[in-house]
Amino acid sequence: MQKQNIIWRIDDRLIHGQVIVGWCGQLPIKKLVVIDDFIASHDWEKELMLMAAPSHLSTEILSTMEILQKIESWKTGKELILILFKSPVTVKILNQEGIHFNKVNLGGIHYREDRKEILSYIYLSSEEITLLKELMQEGITFECQDLPTSTAYDLQKLIKKVK
């Protein structure tokens, strides 16, 4: 069972003001982790992303597979960790690799032509909705919340309303 010391968040912008001020500024987050295969494999992109994080906050950029080596020690630690990734596809991959999620925060999946509005900060394509439904059937709860002080919405209830 996943302890509450890890917040899993899908936010396609990764490290940005809302994450730094809204989440890391409101909660006692001690570590920020970005999971992104492209950024993790390109030094320039990695350095650029790390520059967006405050110097007092321990920050790592990892590939999807690199997190598998670290997650167990993080789960048993006492520090609150915010783990960011761009897409629900990452949740599927990590779930298949044995990382079990109780709850994942959807904080920002932005407009694209093939996506429908779920909330003002969450737009999903039909493929993403199908994937998220599959993950929900496996017991993962998806909670839509842009800031920790904002109302949290159960994604399962929201997508029932999408036509």
N, C-alpha and C. Protein backbone atom coordinates (compact mmCIF):
# COMPACT_ATOMS: atom_id res chain seq x y z
N MET A 1 0.84 -1.19 0.00
CA MET A 1 0.00 0.00 0.00
C MET A 1 0.88 1.25 0.00
N GLN A 2 0.57 2.18 -0.85
CA GLN A 2 1.36 3.40 -0.98
C GLN A 2 1.17 4.29 0.24
N LYS A 3 2.27 4.72 0.82
CA LYS A 3 2.19 5.66 1.93
C LYS A 3 1.88 7.04 1.41
N GLN A 4 1.48 7.90 2.31
CA GLN A 4 1.10 9.25 1.93
C GLN A 4 2.28 10.20 1.78
N ASN A 5 3.50 9.70 1.80
CA ASN A 5 4.65 10.59 1.67
C ASN A 5 5.01 10.87 0.21
N ILE A 6 4.24 10.32 -0.73
CA ILE A 6 4.47 10.58 -2.14
C ILE A 6 3.19 11.12 -2.76
N ILE A 7 3.32 12.25 -3.44
CA ILE A 7 2.22 12.78 -4.24
C ILE A 7 2.59 12.55 -5.70
N TRP A 8 1.78 11.77 -6.40
CA TRP A 8 1.97 11.51 -7.82
C TRP A 8 1.11 12.51 -8.57
N ARG A 9 1.70 13.27 -9.49
CA ARG A 9 0.95 14.33 -10.16
C ARG A 9 1.22 14.33 -11.66
N ILE A 10 0.14 14.29 -12.43
CA ILE A 10 0.25 14.47 -13.88
C ILE A 10 0.04 15.95 -14.16
N ASP A 11 1.05 16.56 -14.74
CA ASP A 11 0.99 17.98 -15.09
C ASP A 11 1.89 18.15 -16.31
N ASP A 12 1.31 18.41 -17.46
CA ASP A 12 2.10 18.42 -18.69
C ASP A 12 3.13 19.54 -18.76
N ARG A 13 3.06 20.49 -17.84
CA ARG A 13 4.08 21.54 -17.80
C ARG A 13 5.24 21.18 -16.88
N LEU A 14 5.10 20.13 -16.11
CA LEU A 14 6.12 19.65 -15.17
C LEU A 14 6.44 20.74 -14.14
N ILE A 15 7.69 21.20 -14.07
CA ILE A 15 8.05 22.22 -13.08
C ILE A 15 7.66 23.60 -13.62
N HIS A 16 6.78 24.28 -12.90
CA HIS A 16 6.36 25.62 -13.27
C HIS A 16 5.84 26.31 -12.02
N GLY A 17 5.43 27.54 -12.14
CA GLY A 17 5.06 28.36 -10.98
C GLY A 17 4.00 27.74 -10.10
N GLN A 18 2.97 27.17 -10.69
CA GLN A 18 1.88 26.59 -9.89
C GLN A 18 2.40 25.44 -9.02
N VAL A 19 3.30 24.64 -9.55
CA VAL A 19 3.88 23.54 -8.79
C VAL A 19 4.77 24.08 -7.67
N ILE A 20 5.62 25.03 -8.02
CA ILE A 20 6.58 25.55 -7.04
C ILE A 20 5.88 26.35 -5.95
N VAL A 21 5.05 27.30 -6.33
CA VAL A 21 4.40 28.17 -5.35
C VAL A 21 3.18 27.48 -4.73
N GLY A 22 2.34 26.91 -5.57
CA GLY A 22 1.09 26.34 -5.10
C GLY A 22 1.22 25.05 -4.33
N TRP A 23 2.07 24.15 -4.80
CA TRP A 23 2.22 22.85 -4.14
C TRP A 23 3.39 22.85 -3.17
N CYS A 24 4.57 23.16 -3.68
CA CYS A 24 5.76 23.12 -2.81
C CYS A 24 5.73 24.24 -1.77
N GLY A 25 5.03 25.33 -2.06
CA GLY A 25 4.92 26.44 -1.12
C GLY A 25 3.85 26.22 -0.07
N GLN A 26 2.87 25.37 -0.35
CA GLN A 26 1.77 25.13 0.58
C GLN A 26 1.93 23.85 1.40
N LEU A 27 2.68 22.90 0.88
CA LEU A 27 2.87 21.62 1.55
C LEU A 27 4.34 21.46 1.93
N PRO A 28 4.64 20.63 2.91
CA PRO A 28 6.04 20.47 3.32
C PRO A 28 6.84 19.53 2.42
N ILE A 29 6.78 19.79 1.12
CA ILE A 29 7.49 18.95 0.15
C ILE A 29 8.98 19.21 0.26
N LYS A 30 9.74 18.11 0.37
CA LYS A 30 11.19 18.19 0.53
C LYS A 30 11.94 17.77 -0.73
N LYS A 31 11.24 17.07 -1.63
CA LYS A 31 11.90 16.57 -2.84
C LYS A 31 10.92 16.67 -4.00
N LEU A 32 11.45 17.08 -5.13
CA LEU A 32 10.69 17.19 -6.37
C LEU A 32 11.35 16.27 -7.39
N VAL A 33 10.55 15.41 -8.01
CA VAL A 33 11.07 14.46 -8.99
C VAL A 33 10.25 14.59 -10.27
N VAL A 34 10.94 14.72 -11.39
CA VAL A 34 10.31 14.74 -12.70
C VAL A 34 10.65 13.43 -13.39
N ILE A 35 9.63 12.75 -13.88
CA ILE A 35 9.83 11.53 -14.66
C ILE A 35 9.52 11.86 -16.11
N ASP A 36 10.56 11.88 -16.93
CA ASP A 36 10.39 12.18 -18.34
C ASP A 36 11.58 11.60 -19.10
N ASP A 37 11.33 10.64 -19.95
CA ASP A 37 12.41 9.95 -20.65
C ASP A 37 13.21 10.89 -21.55
N PHE A 38 12.53 11.78 -22.26
CA PHE A 38 13.23 12.69 -23.17
C PHE A 38 14.14 13.65 -22.38
N ILE A 39 13.58 14.31 -21.40
CA ILE A 39 14.37 15.28 -20.62
C ILE A 39 15.52 14.58 -19.90
N ALA A 40 15.26 13.42 -19.33
CA ALA A 40 16.30 12.68 -18.59
C ALA A 40 17.47 12.27 -19.48
N SER A 41 17.22 12.10 -20.77
CA SER A 41 18.28 11.64 -21.68
C SER A 41 18.97 12.78 -22.45
N HIS A 42 18.58 14.01 -22.19
CA HIS A 42 19.19 15.16 -22.87
C HIS A 42 19.69 16.16 -21.83
N ASP A 43 20.99 16.25 -21.69
CA ASP A 43 21.60 17.08 -20.65
C ASP A 43 21.12 18.53 -20.68
N TRP A 44 21.02 19.10 -21.88
CA TRP A 44 20.60 20.50 -21.96
C TRP A 44 19.17 20.66 -21.44
N GLU A 45 18.27 19.79 -21.85
CA GLU A 45 16.88 19.84 -21.40
C GLU A 45 16.80 19.63 -19.88
N LYS A 46 17.62 18.72 -19.40
CA LYS A 46 17.64 18.41 -17.96
C LYS A 46 18.09 19.64 -17.16
N GLU A 47 19.15 20.27 -17.61
CA GLU A 47 19.65 21.47 -16.92
C GLU A 47 18.63 22.60 -16.95
N LEU A 48 17.98 22.75 -18.08
CA LEU A 48 16.95 23.78 -18.21
C LEU A 48 15.80 23.52 -17.22
N MET A 49 15.36 22.28 -17.11
CA MET A 49 14.29 21.93 -16.17
C MET A 49 14.75 22.14 -14.73
N LEU A 50 15.97 21.77 -14.42
CA LEU A 50 16.48 21.93 -13.06
C LEU A 50 16.58 23.41 -12.67
N MET A 51 16.81 24.28 -13.64
CA MET A 51 16.88 25.72 -13.35
C MET A 51 15.53 26.27 -12.90
N ALA A 52 14.45 25.61 -13.26
CA ALA A 52 13.11 26.07 -12.86
C ALA A 52 12.79 25.74 -11.41
N ALA A 53 13.55 24.82 -10.81
CA ALA A 53 13.30 24.42 -9.42
C ALA A 53 14.07 25.34 -8.46
N PRO A 54 13.48 25.66 -7.32
CA PRO A 54 14.19 26.48 -6.34
C PRO A 54 15.41 25.75 -5.79
N SER A 55 16.44 26.48 -5.49
CA SER A 55 17.71 25.87 -5.05
C SER A 55 17.57 25.13 -3.72
N HIS A 56 16.63 25.52 -2.88
CA HIS A 56 16.47 24.86 -1.57
C HIS A 56 15.72 23.54 -1.65
N LEU A 57 15.18 23.21 -2.82
CA LEU A 57 14.37 22.01 -2.97
C LEU A 57 15.16 20.95 -3.73
N SER A 58 15.40 19.83 -3.11
CA SER A 58 16.09 18.72 -3.77
C SER A 58 15.26 18.29 -4.98
N THR A 59 15.90 18.27 -6.16
CA THR A 59 15.17 17.99 -7.40
C THR A 59 15.95 17.01 -8.25
N GLU A 60 15.23 16.04 -8.82
CA GLU A 60 15.83 15.06 -9.72
C GLU A 60 14.97 14.93 -10.97
N ILE A 61 15.66 14.67 -12.08
CA ILE A 61 14.99 14.37 -13.35
C ILE A 61 15.38 12.93 -13.68
N LEU A 62 14.39 12.05 -13.78
CA LEU A 62 14.67 10.63 -14.00
C LEU A 62 13.89 10.10 -15.19
N SER A 63 14.41 9.04 -15.77
CA SER A 63 13.65 8.33 -16.80
C SER A 63 12.63 7.44 -16.10
N THR A 64 11.70 6.93 -16.87
CA THR A 64 10.66 6.06 -16.32
C THR A 64 11.29 4.85 -15.63
N MET A 65 12.32 4.30 -16.20
CA MET A 65 12.94 3.11 -15.61
C MET A 65 13.84 3.44 -14.42
N GLU A 66 14.44 4.63 -14.41
CA GLU A 66 15.31 5.00 -13.29
C GLU A 66 14.56 5.10 -11.97
N ILE A 67 13.31 5.47 -12.02
CA ILE A 67 12.56 5.61 -10.77
C ILE A 67 12.39 4.26 -10.08
N LEU A 68 12.38 3.19 -10.86
CA LEU A 68 12.22 1.86 -10.28
C LEU A 68 13.32 1.53 -9.28
N GLN A 69 14.50 2.10 -9.48
CA GLN A 69 15.63 1.86 -8.59
C GLN A 69 15.52 2.65 -7.29
N LYS A 70 14.72 3.69 -7.26
CA LYS A 70 14.68 4.60 -6.12
C LYS A 70 13.38 4.57 -5.34
N ILE A 71 12.32 4.11 -5.94
CA ILE A 71 10.99 4.29 -5.37
C ILE A 71 10.81 3.61 -4.02
N GLU A 72 11.38 2.43 -3.83
CA GLU A 72 11.18 1.73 -2.56
C GLU A 72 11.75 2.51 -1.38
N SER A 73 12.93 3.10 -1.56
CA SER A 73 13.50 3.88 -0.45
C SER A 73 12.69 5.15 -0.21
N TRP A 74 12.11 5.72 -1.25
CA TRP A 74 11.28 6.91 -1.09
C TRP A 74 9.98 6.57 -0.37
N LYS A 75 9.40 5.42 -0.68
CA LYS A 75 8.14 5.02 -0.04
C LYS A 75 8.29 4.84 1.46
N THR A 76 9.44 4.40 1.88
CA THR A 76 9.65 4.15 3.31
C THR A 76 10.23 5.36 4.04
N GLY A 77 10.57 6.40 3.30
CA GLY A 77 11.13 7.60 3.91
C GLY A 77 10.07 8.44 4.61
N LYS A 78 10.54 9.45 5.28
CA LYS A 78 9.64 10.33 6.03
C LYS A 78 9.36 11.64 5.30
N GLU A 79 10.17 11.97 4.31
CA GLU A 79 10.00 13.24 3.60
C GLU A 79 8.87 13.16 2.57
N LEU A 80 8.16 14.26 2.43
CA LEU A 80 7.11 14.35 1.42
C LEU A 80 7.75 14.63 0.06
N ILE A 81 7.39 13.81 -0.93
CA ILE A 81 7.97 13.89 -2.27
C ILE A 81 6.85 14.14 -3.28
N LEU A 82 7.08 15.09 -4.17
CA LEU A 82 6.15 15.34 -5.28
C LEU A 82 6.79 14.79 -6.54
N ILE A 83 6.12 13.82 -7.17
CA ILE A 83 6.62 13.21 -8.40
C ILE A 83 5.72 13.64 -9.55
N LEU A 84 6.33 14.27 -10.55
CA LEU A 84 5.61 14.85 -11.69
C LEU A 84 5.88 14.06 -12.96
N PHE A 85 4.84 13.90 -13.77
CA PHE A 85 5.00 13.37 -15.12
C PHE A 85 3.93 13.96 -16.00
N LYS A 86 4.16 13.89 -17.31
CA LYS A 86 3.30 14.59 -18.27
C LYS A 86 2.01 13.87 -18.63
N SER A 87 1.99 12.56 -18.52
CA SER A 87 0.91 11.81 -19.17
C SER A 87 0.47 10.61 -18.35
N PRO A 88 -0.79 10.21 -18.50
CA PRO A 88 -1.24 8.98 -17.85
C PRO A 88 -0.55 7.74 -18.41
N VAL A 89 0.07 7.85 -19.56
CA VAL A 89 0.82 6.72 -20.12
C VAL A 89 1.93 6.31 -19.14
N THR A 90 2.55 7.28 -18.49
CA THR A 90 3.60 6.97 -17.51
C THR A 90 3.04 6.17 -16.34
N VAL A 91 1.84 6.49 -15.92
CA VAL A 91 1.19 5.72 -14.84
C VAL A 91 1.01 4.27 -15.28
N LYS A 92 0.57 4.08 -16.52
CA LYS A 92 0.38 2.72 -17.04
C LYS A 92 1.70 1.95 -17.05
N ILE A 93 2.76 2.57 -17.55
CA ILE A 93 4.07 1.91 -17.62
C ILE A 93 4.55 1.55 -16.23
N LEU A 94 4.51 2.51 -15.31
CA LEU A 94 4.98 2.25 -13.95
C LEU A 94 4.13 1.20 -13.24
N ASN A 95 2.83 1.23 -13.48
CA ASN A 95 1.94 0.23 -12.90
C ASN A 95 2.29 -1.17 -13.42
N GLN A 96 2.60 -1.27 -14.72
CA GLN A 96 3.00 -2.55 -15.31
C GLN A 96 4.34 -3.02 -14.76
N GLU A 97 5.18 -2.08 -14.34
CA GLU A 97 6.50 -2.41 -13.78
C GLU A 97 6.43 -2.71 -12.28
N GLY A 98 5.23 -2.66 -11.71
CA GLY A 98 5.07 -3.06 -10.32
C GLY A 98 4.93 -1.94 -9.31
N ILE A 99 4.91 -0.69 -9.77
CA ILE A 99 4.65 0.41 -8.84
C ILE A 99 3.14 0.52 -8.71
N HIS A 100 2.68 0.43 -7.48
CA HIS A 100 1.23 0.47 -7.24
C HIS A 100 0.83 1.84 -6.74
N PHE A 101 -0.18 2.39 -7.36
CA PHE A 101 -0.69 3.72 -7.04
C PHE A 101 -2.03 3.57 -6.34
N ASN A 102 -2.21 4.31 -5.27
CA ASN A 102 -3.55 4.42 -4.68
C ASN A 102 -4.26 5.60 -5.34
N LYS A 103 -3.54 6.72 -5.42
CA LYS A 103 -4.15 7.95 -5.92
C LYS A 103 -3.14 8.72 -6.75
N VAL A 104 -3.62 9.27 -7.86
CA VAL A 104 -2.80 10.12 -8.72
C VAL A 104 -3.56 11.43 -8.89
N ASN A 105 -2.84 12.53 -8.73
CA ASN A 105 -3.41 13.87 -8.90
C ASN A 105 -3.30 14.28 -10.36
N LEU A 106 -4.41 14.72 -10.93
CA LEU A 106 -4.39 15.31 -12.27
C LEU A 106 -4.42 16.81 -12.07
N GLY A 107 -3.33 17.45 -12.45
CA GLY A 107 -3.23 18.87 -12.16
C GLY A 107 -3.17 19.77 -13.37
N GLY A 108 -2.90 19.22 -14.51
CA GLY A 108 -2.84 20.06 -15.70
C GLY A 108 -2.54 19.25 -16.94
N ILE A 109 -3.58 18.97 -17.70
CA ILE A 109 -3.41 18.38 -19.03
C ILE A 109 -4.15 19.35 -19.93
N HIS A 110 -3.40 20.07 -20.70
CA HIS A 110 -3.94 21.24 -21.38
C HIS A 110 -4.53 20.96 -22.76
N TYR A 111 -5.21 21.97 -23.26
CA TYR A 111 -5.96 21.89 -24.52
C TYR A 111 -5.08 21.43 -25.68
N ARG A 112 -5.68 20.58 -26.47
CA ARG A 112 -5.16 20.15 -27.76
C ARG A 112 -6.38 19.88 -28.60
N GLU A 113 -6.27 19.96 -29.89
CA GLU A 113 -7.43 19.85 -30.77
C GLU A 113 -8.22 18.55 -30.58
N ASP A 114 -7.54 17.47 -30.24
CA ASP A 114 -8.22 16.18 -30.10
C ASP A 114 -8.75 15.91 -28.69
N ARG A 115 -8.68 16.90 -27.82
CA ARG A 115 -9.10 16.71 -26.42
C ARG A 115 -10.40 17.44 -26.11
N LYS A 116 -11.13 16.88 -25.15
CA LYS A 116 -12.36 17.49 -24.65
C LYS A 116 -12.11 18.05 -23.26
N GLU A 117 -12.79 19.16 -22.95
CA GLU A 117 -12.63 19.78 -21.64
C GLU A 117 -13.33 18.95 -20.57
N ILE A 118 -12.58 18.61 -19.53
CA ILE A 118 -13.12 17.92 -18.36
C ILE A 118 -13.32 18.96 -17.24
N LEU A 119 -12.28 19.74 -17.03
CA LEU A 119 -12.27 20.91 -16.15
C LEU A 119 -11.46 21.98 -16.86
N SER A 120 -11.45 23.19 -16.35
CA SER A 120 -10.73 24.27 -17.04
C SER A 120 -9.24 24.00 -17.19
N TYR A 121 -8.70 23.09 -16.42
CA TYR A 121 -7.27 22.77 -16.48
C TYR A 121 -7.00 21.33 -16.90
N ILE A 122 -8.06 20.60 -17.28
CA ILE A 122 -7.88 19.21 -17.72
C ILE A 122 -8.68 18.97 -18.99
N TYR A 123 -7.94 18.60 -20.03
CA TYR A 123 -8.52 18.23 -21.32
C TYR A 123 -8.00 16.84 -21.65
N LEU A 124 -8.89 15.96 -22.06
CA LEU A 124 -8.48 14.58 -22.34
C LEU A 124 -8.98 14.12 -23.71
N SER A 125 -8.13 13.36 -24.39
CA SER A 125 -8.53 12.75 -25.65
C SER A 125 -9.31 11.47 -25.34
N SER A 126 -9.99 10.93 -26.34
CA SER A 126 -10.73 9.68 -26.12
C SER A 126 -9.77 8.54 -25.74
N GLU A 127 -8.56 8.55 -26.30
CA GLU A 127 -7.56 7.53 -25.95
C GLU A 127 -7.13 7.67 -24.49
N GLU A 128 -6.93 8.91 -24.05
CA GLU A 128 -6.55 9.14 -22.65
C GLU A 128 -7.66 8.73 -21.69
N ILE A 129 -8.90 9.01 -22.07
CA ILE A 129 -10.03 8.61 -21.23
C ILE A 129 -10.10 7.09 -21.13
N THR A 130 -9.92 6.40 -22.24
CA THR A 130 -9.92 4.93 -22.23
C THR A 130 -8.81 4.40 -21.33
N LEU A 131 -7.62 4.95 -21.46
CA LEU A 131 -6.49 4.52 -20.63
C LEU A 131 -6.77 4.78 -19.15
N LEU A 132 -7.28 5.95 -18.83
CA LEU A 132 -7.57 6.28 -17.44
C LEU A 132 -8.66 5.37 -16.87
N LYS A 133 -9.66 5.03 -17.66
CA LYS A 133 -10.70 4.10 -17.22
C LYS A 133 -10.10 2.73 -16.91
N GLU A 134 -9.18 2.28 -17.77
CA GLU A 134 -8.51 0.99 -17.53
C GLU A 134 -7.73 1.03 -16.22
N LEU A 135 -7.03 2.13 -15.98
CA LEU A 135 -6.25 2.26 -14.75
C LEU A 135 -7.16 2.34 -13.51
N MET A 136 -8.31 2.98 -13.66
CA MET A 136 -9.27 3.04 -12.56
C MET A 136 -9.82 1.65 -12.25
N GLN A 137 -10.00 0.83 -13.27
CA GLN A 137 -10.47 -0.55 -13.06
C GLN A 137 -9.44 -1.37 -12.29
N GLU A 138 -8.19 -0.95 -12.35
CA GLU A 138 -7.12 -1.62 -11.61
C GLU A 138 -6.99 -1.08 -10.19
N GLY A 139 -7.88 -0.16 -9.82
CA GLY A 139 -7.91 0.33 -8.44
C GLY A 139 -7.24 1.66 -8.19
N ILE A 140 -6.82 2.34 -9.26
CA ILE A 140 -6.17 3.64 -9.09
C ILE A 140 -7.24 4.73 -9.09
N THR A 141 -7.17 5.62 -8.10
CA THR A 141 -8.07 6.76 -8.03
C THR A 141 -7.35 7.96 -8.64
N PHE A 142 -8.05 8.68 -9.49
CA PHE A 142 -7.51 9.91 -10.08
C PHE A 142 -8.30 11.08 -9.53
N GLU A 143 -7.58 11.99 -8.91
CA GLU A 143 -8.18 13.16 -8.28
C GLU A 143 -7.73 14.41 -9.03
N CYS A 144 -8.69 15.17 -9.52
CA CYS A 144 -8.39 16.40 -10.27
C CYS A 144 -8.33 17.56 -9.28
N GLN A 145 -7.18 18.21 -9.24
CA GLN A 145 -7.00 19.32 -8.30
C GLN A 145 -5.82 20.15 -8.79
N ASP A 146 -6.07 21.41 -9.11
CA ASP A 146 -4.97 22.22 -9.62
C ASP A 146 -4.05 22.72 -8.51
N LEU A 147 -4.59 22.98 -7.33
CA LEU A 147 -3.80 23.43 -6.17
C LEU A 147 -4.26 22.67 -4.93
N PRO A 148 -3.39 22.50 -3.94
CA PRO A 148 -3.80 21.74 -2.76
C PRO A 148 -4.91 22.42 -1.96
N THR A 149 -5.11 23.71 -2.16
CA THR A 149 -6.17 24.44 -1.47
C THR A 149 -7.48 24.47 -2.27
N SER A 150 -7.45 23.92 -3.48
CA SER A 150 -8.64 23.90 -4.35
C SER A 150 -9.47 22.64 -4.10
N THR A 151 -10.68 22.68 -4.57
CA THR A 151 -11.56 21.52 -4.49
C THR A 151 -10.98 20.39 -5.32
N ALA A 152 -11.04 19.18 -4.78
CA ALA A 152 -10.60 17.99 -5.50
C ALA A 152 -11.83 17.30 -6.09
N TYR A 153 -11.70 16.87 -7.35
CA TYR A 153 -12.80 16.20 -8.05
C TYR A 153 -12.38 14.79 -8.43
N ASP A 154 -13.28 13.85 -8.27
CA ASP A 154 -13.04 12.47 -8.65
C ASP A 154 -13.18 12.36 -10.17
N LEU A 155 -12.12 11.99 -10.85
CA LEU A 155 -12.14 11.90 -12.31
C LEU A 155 -13.18 10.91 -12.81
N GLN A 156 -13.37 9.83 -12.10
CA GLN A 156 -14.34 8.82 -12.53
C GLN A 156 -15.74 9.43 -12.68
N LYS A 157 -16.10 10.29 -11.74
CA LYS A 157 -17.41 10.95 -11.82
C LYS A 157 -17.46 11.96 -12.96
N LEU A 158 -16.35 12.66 -13.18
CA LEU A 158 -16.31 13.67 -14.23
C LEU A 158 -16.41 13.08 -15.63
N ILE A 159 -15.70 11.97 -15.87
CA ILE A 159 -15.70 11.43 -17.24
C ILE A 159 -17.00 10.72 -17.58
N LYS A 160 -17.79 10.38 -16.58
CA LYS A 160 -19.12 9.81 -16.87
C LYS A 160 -20.00 10.83 -17.58
N LYS A 161 -19.70 12.12 -17.35
CA LYS A 161 -20.48 13.19 -17.94
C LYS A 161 -20.02 13.56 -19.35
N VAL A 162 -18.82 13.09 -19.74
CA VAL A 162 -18.25 13.44 -21.05
C VAL A 162 -18.94 12.63 -22.14
N LYS A 163 -19.32 13.31 -23.20
CA LYS A 163 -20.00 12.62 -24.31
C LYS A 163 -19.04 12.37 -25.43
